[in-house]
Amino acid sequence: MSEKFPLQAISEVADPQKIRVVIFINGEMVHVPLSALLAHVQAQLDSLDARVTALEAP
């Protein structure tokens, strides 16, 4: 990266809420807090787990 935006090791981040992820959607770059992205993924995994458990039940 440039001197204007030096890379920072993730272990040096004091506040994890400040970690943002840049993604490319519909031809545009957008950014989202990592915690919000992971919360959505966790909700989807919980839903999938509940559906699988229901299928496994006799």
C-alpha atoms as a PDB file:
ATOM      1  CA  MET A   1       0.000   0.000   0.000  1.00  0.00           C
ATOM      2  CA  SER A   2       0.997   3.585  -0.148  1.00  0.00           C
ATOM      3  CA  GLU A   3       2.513   5.637   2.645  1.00  0.00           C
ATOM      4  CA  LYS A   4      -0.869   7.330   3.030  1.00  0.00           C
ATOM      5  CA  PHE A   5      -2.506   4.008   3.952  1.00  0.00           C
ATOM      6  CA  PRO A   6       0.103   1.817   5.629  1.00  0.00           C
ATOM      7  CA  LEU A   7      -0.884  -1.771   6.323  1.00  0.00           C
ATOM      8  CA  GLN A   8      -1.603  -2.474   9.959  1.00  0.00           C
ATOM      9  CA  ALA A   9      -1.348  -5.917  11.492  1.00  0.00           C
ATOM     10  CA  ILE A  10      -4.706  -7.087  12.792  1.00  0.00           C
ATOM     11  CA  SER A  11      -3.111  -7.875  16.161  1.00  0.00           C
ATOM     12  CA  GLU A  12      -2.415  -4.153  16.555  1.00  0.00           C
ATOM     13  CA  VAL A  13      -6.102  -3.172  16.344  1.00  0.00           C
ATOM     14  CA  ALA A  14      -7.237  -2.071  19.787  1.00  0.00           C
ATOM     15  CA  ASP A  15     -10.954  -1.919  18.923  1.00  0.00           C
ATOM     16  CA  PRO A  16     -12.218  -4.835  16.770  1.00  0.00           C
ATOM     17  CA  GLN A  17     -15.396  -2.860  16.002  1.00  0.00           C
ATOM     18  CA  LYS A  18     -13.269  -0.618  13.775  1.00  0.00           C
ATOM     19  CA  ILE A  19     -12.339  -3.473  11.416  1.00  0.00           C
ATOM     20  CA  ARG A  20     -14.161  -2.993   8.114  1.00  0.00           C
ATOM     21  CA  VAL A  21     -14.351  -5.238   5.070  1.00  0.00           C
ATOM     22  CA  VAL A  22     -14.437  -3.889   1.522  1.00  0.00           C
ATOM     23  CA  ILE A  23     -16.603  -5.913  -0.857  1.00  0.00           C
ATOM     24  CA  PHE A  24     -17.574  -5.486  -4.493  1.00  0.00           C
ATOM     25  CA  ILE A  25     -21.347  -5.559  -5.150  1.00  0.00           C
ATOM     26  CA  ASN A  26     -23.211  -4.625  -8.332  1.00  0.00           C
ATOM     27  CA  GLY A  27     -20.187  -2.900  -9.817  1.00  0.00           C
ATOM     28  CA  GLU A  28     -19.492  -0.828  -6.703  1.00  0.00           C
ATOM     29  CA  MET A  29     -17.080  -1.130  -3.819  1.00  0.00           C
ATOM     30  CA  VAL A  30     -18.780  -0.881  -0.430  1.00  0.00           C
ATOM     31  CA  HIS A  31     -17.537  -1.393   3.100  1.00  0.00           C
ATOM     32  CA  VAL A  32     -19.162  -2.974   6.114  1.00  0.00           C
ATOM     33  CA  PRO A  33     -18.046  -3.585   9.694  1.00  0.00           C
ATOM     34  CA  LEU A  34     -16.611  -7.088   9.999  1.00  0.00           C
ATOM     35  CA  SER A  35     -18.749  -7.717  13.078  1.00  0.00           C
ATOM     36  CA  ALA A  36     -21.963  -6.955  11.123  1.00  0.00           C
ATOM     37  CA  LEU A  37     -20.916  -9.239   8.293  1.00  0.00           C
ATOM     38  CA  LEU A  38     -20.090 -12.059  10.715  1.00  0.00           C
ATOM     39  CA  ALA A  39     -23.370 -11.570  12.602  1.00  0.00           C
ATOM     40  CA  HIS A  40     -25.290 -12.112   9.352  1.00  0.00           C
ATOM     41  CA  VAL A  41     -23.265 -15.219   8.517  1.00  0.00           C
ATOM     42  CA  GLN A  42     -23.779 -16.569  12.059  1.00  0.00           C
ATOM     43  CA  ALA A  43     -27.548 -16.044  11.787  1.00  0.00           C
ATOM     44  CA  GLN A  44     -27.604 -17.971   8.505  1.00  0.00           C
ATOM     45  CA  LEU A  45     -25.560 -20.800  10.035  1.00  0.00           C
ATOM     46  CA  ASP A  46     -27.877 -20.973  13.055  1.00  0.00           C
ATOM     47  CA  SER A  47     -30.882 -21.185  10.742  1.00  0.00           C
ATOM     48  CA  LEU A  48     -29.267 -23.933   8.682  1.00  0.00           C
ATOM     49  CA  ASP A  49     -28.313 -25.849  11.824  1.00  0.00           C
ATOM     50  CA  ALA A  50     -31.898 -25.695  13.099  1.00  0.00           C
ATOM     51  CA  ARG A  51     -33.215 -26.996   9.762  1.00  0.00           C
ATOM     52  CA  VAL A  52     -30.706 -29.854   9.686  1.00  0.00           C
ATOM     53  CA  THR A  53     -31.523 -30.782  13.289  1.00  0.00           C
ATOM     54  CA  ALA A  54     -35.243 -30.829  12.415  1.00  0.00           C
ATOM     55  CA  LEU A  55     -34.544 -33.153   9.488  1.00  0.00           C
ATOM     56  CA  GLU A  56     -32.489 -35.489  11.675  1.00  0.00           C
ATOM     57  CA  ALA A  57     -35.184 -35.760  14.356  1.00  0.00           C
ATOM     58  CA  PRO A  58     -37.311 -38.955  14.144  1.00  0.00           C
END
